[in-house]
């Protein structure tokens, strides 16, 4: 459930910043407390299922809280900063909807493979990149054309191809794994760097690769970083909102589907993570 936990953390931070912008960090306390309640409940399967199924009620509560607060500040409604916060929260809600659908699908059929339109799956990731950029509050941008990359931009190259043409079939949990690994690549790569990721189905195997130009992992720690909660020593001072187990999850999901995972990394140069999973019946 840590993908939902990450979203709750981002949403809590956004509401704190929004309140601070309006002059009072506690303006959205009801919504923040509700998000904390959800975050704390995610460790229990039944509680997590309950909150996933009632996610529309959660969004409604937060929207109602925002509406009541803005009623107190009518002159702020068209303020660019306020509009920016509203756009960010709507973007977070969009990602939340996608994650909840995936969680519900996994909980019902944990080993299920799901067929996606490639355009739909690609758009899901574009939404993720957009949310990441919005959450940076202008500290950096994400671009998809290397010729337009500025010093504070991340260049992202992301492609999906399949022997099946316009569709691709992947484990229900795998979209979450891909997102976590791409988010890790961004997190540990400074602005101005690049992230290349691709998913390909050749008819017998599903292969995913993500490569960055980030901090890298010390050679003697590559095996250790897939263990729960382990982080390389060269990123211990890096503040993150995640649970620190993106690689752990990727490793265990890969094993769950009888696949293989490789990590190639050089400190100060970057990291490449490759996953290969056999297709059912291949």
Protein backbone atom coordinates (compact mmCIF):
# COMPACT_ATOMS: atom_id res chain seq x y z
CA UNK A 1 0.00 0.00 0.00
CA UNK A 2 3.00 2.30 0.09
CA UNK A 3 1.99 3.95 -3.22
CA UNK A 4 -1.13 5.27 -1.50
CA UNK A 5 0.97 6.25 1.51
CA UNK A 6 3.21 8.33 -0.74
CA UNK A 7 0.19 10.11 -2.21
CA UNK A 8 -1.21 10.84 1.25
CA UNK A 9 2.15 12.32 2.26
CA UNK A 10 2.21 14.55 -0.83
CA UNK A 11 -1.41 15.62 -0.28
CA UNK A 12 -0.76 16.44 3.40
CA UNK A 13 2.25 18.56 2.44
CA UNK A 14 0.26 20.37 -0.26
CA UNK A 15 -2.53 21.22 2.19
CA UNK A 16 0.00 22.49 4.72
CA UNK A 17 1.62 24.73 2.09
CA UNK A 18 -1.80 25.91 0.89
CA UNK A 19 -2.77 26.95 4.41
CA UNK A 20 0.58 28.68 4.89
CA UNK A 21 -0.01 30.64 1.68
CA UNK A 22 -3.33 31.83 3.11
CA UNK A 23 -1.69 32.79 6.40
CA UNK A 24 -2.76 29.91 8.67
CA UNK A 25 -1.26 26.39 8.54
CA UNK A 26 -4.31 24.96 10.32
CA UNK A 27 -6.98 26.06 7.82
CA UNK A 28 -7.10 22.59 6.27
CA UNK A 29 -6.51 20.67 9.50
CA UNK A 30 -9.68 18.58 9.12
CA UNK A 31 -8.51 17.35 5.73
CA UNK A 32 -4.96 16.83 6.95
CA UNK A 33 -6.16 14.80 9.94
CA UNK A 34 -8.30 12.66 7.62
CA UNK A 35 -5.28 11.99 5.38
CA UNK A 36 -3.22 11.00 8.42
CA UNK A 37 -5.99 8.62 9.48
CA UNK A 38 -5.90 6.96 6.06
CA UNK A 39 -2.09 6.78 6.09
CA UNK A 40 -2.09 5.09 9.49
CA UNK A 41 -4.78 2.62 8.37
CA UNK A 42 -2.94 1.44 5.26
CA UNK A 43 -1.05 -1.20 7.21
CA UNK A 44 -4.30 -3.09 7.76
CA UNK A 45 -5.72 -4.81 4.67
CA UNK A 46 -9.38 -4.37 5.59
CA UNK A 47 -8.96 -0.77 6.67
CA UNK A 48 -7.05 -0.02 3.47
CA UNK A 49 -9.80 -1.64 1.40
CA UNK A 50 -12.42 0.47 3.20
CA UNK A 51 -10.63 3.74 2.46
CA UNK A 52 -9.86 2.74 -1.12
CA UNK A 53 -13.52 1.99 -1.76
CA UNK A 54 -14.59 5.31 -0.21
CA UNK A 55 -11.99 7.50 -1.91
CA UNK A 56 -14.68 9.69 -3.51
CA UNK A 57 -15.90 10.59 -0.01
CA UNK A 58 -12.35 11.55 0.96
CA UNK A 59 -11.98 13.81 -2.07
CA UNK A 60 -15.39 15.31 -1.33
CA UNK A 61 -14.38 16.08 2.27
CA UNK A 62 -11.20 17.84 1.12
CA UNK A 63 -12.97 19.79 -1.63
CA UNK A 64 -15.63 20.91 0.85
CA UNK A 65 -12.93 22.01 3.30
CA UNK A 66 -11.21 24.00 0.55
CA UNK A 67 -14.49 25.62 -0.55
CA UNK A 68 -15.32 26.73 3.00
CA UNK A 69 -11.82 28.12 3.53
CA UNK A 70 -11.85 30.06 0.26
CA UNK A 71 -15.25 31.49 1.19
CA UNK A 72 -13.33 33.27 3.96
CA UNK A 73 -10.86 34.70 1.42
CA UNK A 74 -12.98 35.70 -1.63
CA UNK A 75 -10.27 38.07 -2.87
CA UNK A 76 -7.80 35.16 -3.05
CA UNK A 77 -9.80 32.93 -5.39
CA UNK A 78 -8.11 34.21 -8.55
CA UNK A 79 -4.69 34.60 -7.01
CA UNK A 80 -2.17 32.71 -9.22
CA UNK A 81 -0.66 30.98 -6.17
CA UNK A 82 -4.08 29.79 -5.01
CA UNK A 83 -4.95 28.58 -8.50
CA UNK A 84 -1.63 26.74 -8.52
CA UNK A 85 -2.48 24.92 -5.30
CA UNK A 86 -5.93 24.01 -6.64
CA UNK A 87 -4.38 22.63 -9.84
CA UNK A 88 -1.85 20.64 -7.82
CA UNK A 89 -4.53 19.11 -5.61
CA UNK A 90 -6.67 18.17 -8.62
CA UNK A 91 -3.60 16.58 -10.19
CA UNK A 92 -2.95 14.61 -6.99
CA UNK A 93 -6.58 13.48 -7.00
CA UNK A 94 -6.14 12.22 -10.58
CA UNK A 95 -3.13 10.13 -9.57
CA UNK A 96 -5.01 8.95 -6.48
CA UNK A 97 -7.89 7.67 -8.63
CA UNK A 98 -5.48 5.67 -10.79
CA UNK A 99 -3.70 4.16 -7.79
CA UNK A 100 -6.95 3.24 -6.04
CA UNK A 101 -8.20 1.40 -9.14
CA UNK A 102 -4.95 -0.55 -9.24
CA UNK A 103 -5.04 -1.35 -5.52
CA UNK A 104 -8.61 -2.63 -5.75
CA UNK A 105 -7.69 -4.76 -8.77
CA UNK A 106 -4.67 -6.22 -6.96
CA UNK A 107 -6.55 -6.95 -3.77
CA UNK A 108 -9.21 -8.83 -5.70
CA UNK A 109 -6.75 -10.73 -7.93
CA UNK A 110 -3.16 -10.29 -6.66
CA UNK A 111 -1.61 -12.35 -9.45
CA UNK A 112 -3.79 -11.01 -12.23
CA UNK A 113 -2.41 -9.71 -15.53
CA UNK A 114 -4.21 -6.69 -17.00
CA UNK A 115 -4.36 -5.56 -20.63
CA UNK A 116 -3.96 -1.83 -21.28
CA UNK A 117 -4.14 0.32 -24.35
CA UNK A 118 -0.58 1.58 -24.76
CA UNK A 119 -1.81 5.17 -25.18
CA UNK A 120 -3.80 4.87 -21.93
CA UNK A 121 -0.85 3.46 -20.00
CA UNK A 122 1.48 6.12 -21.41
CA UNK A 123 -0.99 8.84 -20.42
CA UNK A 124 -1.09 7.45 -16.87
CA UNK A 125 2.64 8.07 -16.61
CA UNK A 126 2.42 11.51 -18.21
CA UNK A 127 -0.04 12.38 -15.41
CA UNK A 128 2.50 11.15 -12.87
CA UNK A 129 5.25 13.29 -14.41
CA UNK A 130 2.91 16.29 -14.46
CA UNK A 131 2.06 15.81 -10.79
CA UNK A 132 5.76 15.49 -9.90
CA UNK A 133 6.53 18.74 -11.74
CA UNK A 134 3.62 20.62 -10.16
CA UNK A 135 4.67 19.42 -6.72
CA UNK A 136 8.13 20.94 -7.26
CA UNK A 137 6.57 24.43 -7.10
CA UNK A 138 8.69 25.57 -10.03
CA UNK A 139 12.00 24.20 -8.77
CA UNK A 140 12.31 22.17 -11.94
CA UNK A 141 10.42 21.15 -15.08
CA UNK A 142 10.07 17.84 -16.90
CA UNK A 143 10.57 17.93 -20.67
CA UNK A 144 10.32 15.22 -23.32
CA UNK A 145 12.51 16.81 -25.98
CA UNK A 146 16.20 16.97 -25.15
CA UNK A 147 16.58 20.03 -27.37
CA UNK A 148 14.28 21.99 -25.04
CA UNK A 149 16.02 20.95 -21.80
CA UNK A 150 17.23 23.86 -19.66
CA UNK A 151 19.61 23.69 -16.69
CA UNK A 152 16.78 23.07 -14.17
CA UNK A 153 14.89 20.58 -16.36
CA UNK A 154 14.71 16.82 -16.27
CA UNK A 155 14.73 15.17 -19.66
CA UNK A 156 12.46 12.12 -19.67
CA UNK A 157 12.37 9.54 -22.44
CA UNK A 158 9.56 7.04 -21.83
CA UNK A 159 8.34 4.48 -24.36
CA UNK A 160 6.06 1.43 -24.37
CA UNK A 161 6.02 -1.11 -27.20
CA UNK A 162 4.45 -4.53 -27.59
CA UNK A 163 4.29 -7.43 -29.99
CA UNK A 164 0.51 -7.09 -29.58
CA UNK A 165 0.48 -3.72 -31.31
CA UNK A 166 -1.61 -1.10 -29.51
CA UNK A 167 -2.06 -3.08 -26.28
CA UNK A 168 0.22 -4.54 -23.65
CA UNK A 169 -0.53 -6.99 -20.83
CA UNK A 170 1.23 -6.60 -17.49
CA UNK A 171 0.73 -7.79 -13.89
CA UNK A 172 -1.77 -5.56 -12.08
CA UNK A 173 0.89 -4.58 -9.55
CA UNK A 174 3.56 -3.80 -12.14
CA UNK A 175 2.41 -0.29 -13.06
CA UNK A 176 3.05 0.63 -9.43
CA UNK A 177 6.55 -0.88 -9.60
CA UNK A 178 7.36 1.11 -12.73
CA UNK A 179 6.18 4.35 -11.14
CA UNK A 180 8.23 3.75 -8.01
CA UNK A 181 11.41 3.07 -9.96
CA UNK A 182 10.92 6.11 -12.20
CA UNK A 183 10.18 8.27 -9.14
CA UNK A 184 13.37 6.95 -7.51
CA UNK A 185 15.34 7.83 -10.62
CA UNK A 186 14.01 11.40 -10.51
CA UNK A 187 14.48 11.67 -6.75
CA UNK A 188 18.17 10.79 -6.83
CA UNK A 189 19.02 12.67 -10.03
CA UNK A 190 19.73 16.41 -9.80
CA UNK A 191 17.87 18.86 -12.08
CA UNK A 192 19.53 18.95 -15.48
CA UNK A 193 19.78 15.17 -15.53
CA UNK A 194 17.98 12.62 -17.65
CA UNK A 195 15.75 9.61 -17.03
CA UNK A 196 15.16 7.00 -19.69
CA UNK A 197 12.56 4.31 -19.20
CA UNK A 198 10.96 1.72 -21.43
CA UNK A 199 8.55 -1.18 -21.29
CA UNK A 200 8.52 -3.85 -24.00
CA UNK A 201 6.68 -7.13 -24.53
CA UNK A 202 8.37 -9.37 -27.09
CA UNK A 203 5.75 -12.12 -26.87
CA UNK A 204 7.63 -14.30 -24.38
CA UNK A 205 8.91 -11.79 -21.80
CA UNK A 206 7.91 -8.44 -20.38
CA UNK A 207 10.98 -6.22 -19.99
CA UNK A 208 11.21 -2.92 -18.13
CA UNK A 209 14.32 -0.74 -17.90
CA UNK A 210 14.85 2.61 -16.16
CA UNK A 211 18.17 4.43 -16.33
CA UNK A 212 19.19 7.75 -14.78
CA UNK A 213 22.17 10.09 -14.52
CA UNK A 214 21.86 10.45 -10.75
CA UNK A 215 23.93 9.81 -7.66
CA UNK A 216 24.39 6.11 -8.27
CA UNK A 217 24.84 3.40 -5.65
CA UNK A 218 28.19 2.43 -4.12
CA UNK A 219 29.21 -0.90 -5.65
CA UNK A 220 29.42 -2.71 -2.32
CA UNK A 221 25.84 -1.68 -1.43
CA UNK A 222 23.94 -2.68 -4.59
CA UNK A 223 22.74 -6.00 -3.15
CA UNK A 224 21.77 -4.41 0.17
CA UNK A 225 19.50 -1.68 -1.23
CA UNK A 226 16.80 -4.19 -2.20
CA UNK A 227 16.32 -5.05 1.48
CA UNK A 228 13.39 -3.45 3.29
CA UNK A 229 14.13 0.14 4.38
CA UNK A 230 17.76 0.09 3.19
CA UNK A 231 19.20 3.16 1.45
CA UNK A 232 22.68 3.70 0.07
CA UNK A 233 25.00 5.70 2.32
CA UNK A 234 25.43 8.42 -0.30
CA UNK A 235 21.71 9.35 -0.13
CA UNK A 236 21.08 9.13 3.61
CA UNK A 237 20.99 12.95 3.78
CA UNK A 238 18.35 13.11 1.04
CA UNK A 239 14.92 13.94 2.49
CA UNK A 240 12.11 11.96 0.83
CA UNK A 241 8.40 11.39 1.37
CA UNK A 242 8.52 7.73 0.40
CA UNK A 243 8.90 4.69 2.56
CA UNK A 244 12.34 3.81 1.23
CA UNK A 245 11.40 0.46 -0.27
CA UNK A 246 10.74 1.04 -4.00
CA UNK A 247 13.58 -1.29 -4.96
CA UNK A 248 12.45 -3.81 -2.34
CA UNK A 249 8.97 -3.93 -3.81
CA UNK A 250 10.32 -4.22 -7.35
CA UNK A 251 12.53 -7.14 -6.30
CA UNK A 252 9.77 -9.06 -4.55
CA UNK A 253 7.21 -8.46 -7.32
CA UNK A 254 9.76 -9.67 -9.85
CA UNK A 255 10.29 -12.84 -7.81
CA UNK A 256 6.52 -13.27 -7.38
CA UNK A 257 6.19 -13.53 -11.16
CA UNK A 258 9.28 -15.74 -11.61
CA UNK A 259 11.28 -12.94 -13.18
CA UNK A 260 14.79 -11.56 -12.90
CA UNK A 261 16.04 -8.13 -11.84
CA UNK A 262 19.43 -6.48 -12.36
CA UNK A 263 20.88 -3.29 -10.91
CA UNK A 264 23.87 -1.68 -12.60
CA UNK A 265 25.20 1.45 -10.95
CA UNK A 266 28.23 3.67 -10.63
CA UNK A 267 28.47 6.25 -7.88
CA UNK A 268 28.29 9.77 -9.30
CA UNK A 269 27.30 8.48 -12.75
CA UNK A 270 23.86 6.89 -12.43
CA UNK A 271 21.83 3.73 -12.07
CA UNK A 272 20.15 1.29 -14.43
CA UNK A 273 17.48 -1.13 -13.19
CA UNK A 274 16.27 -3.90 -15.51
CA UNK A 275 13.39 -6.31 -14.90
CA UNK A 276 12.36 -9.26 -17.05
CA UNK A 277 9.22 -11.29 -16.37
CA UNK A 278 8.02 -14.29 -18.41
CA UNK A 279 4.57 -13.98 -19.94
CA UNK A 280 2.04 -16.52 -18.71
CA UNK A 281 2.12 -19.61 -20.88
CA UNK A 282 5.19 -18.44 -22.79
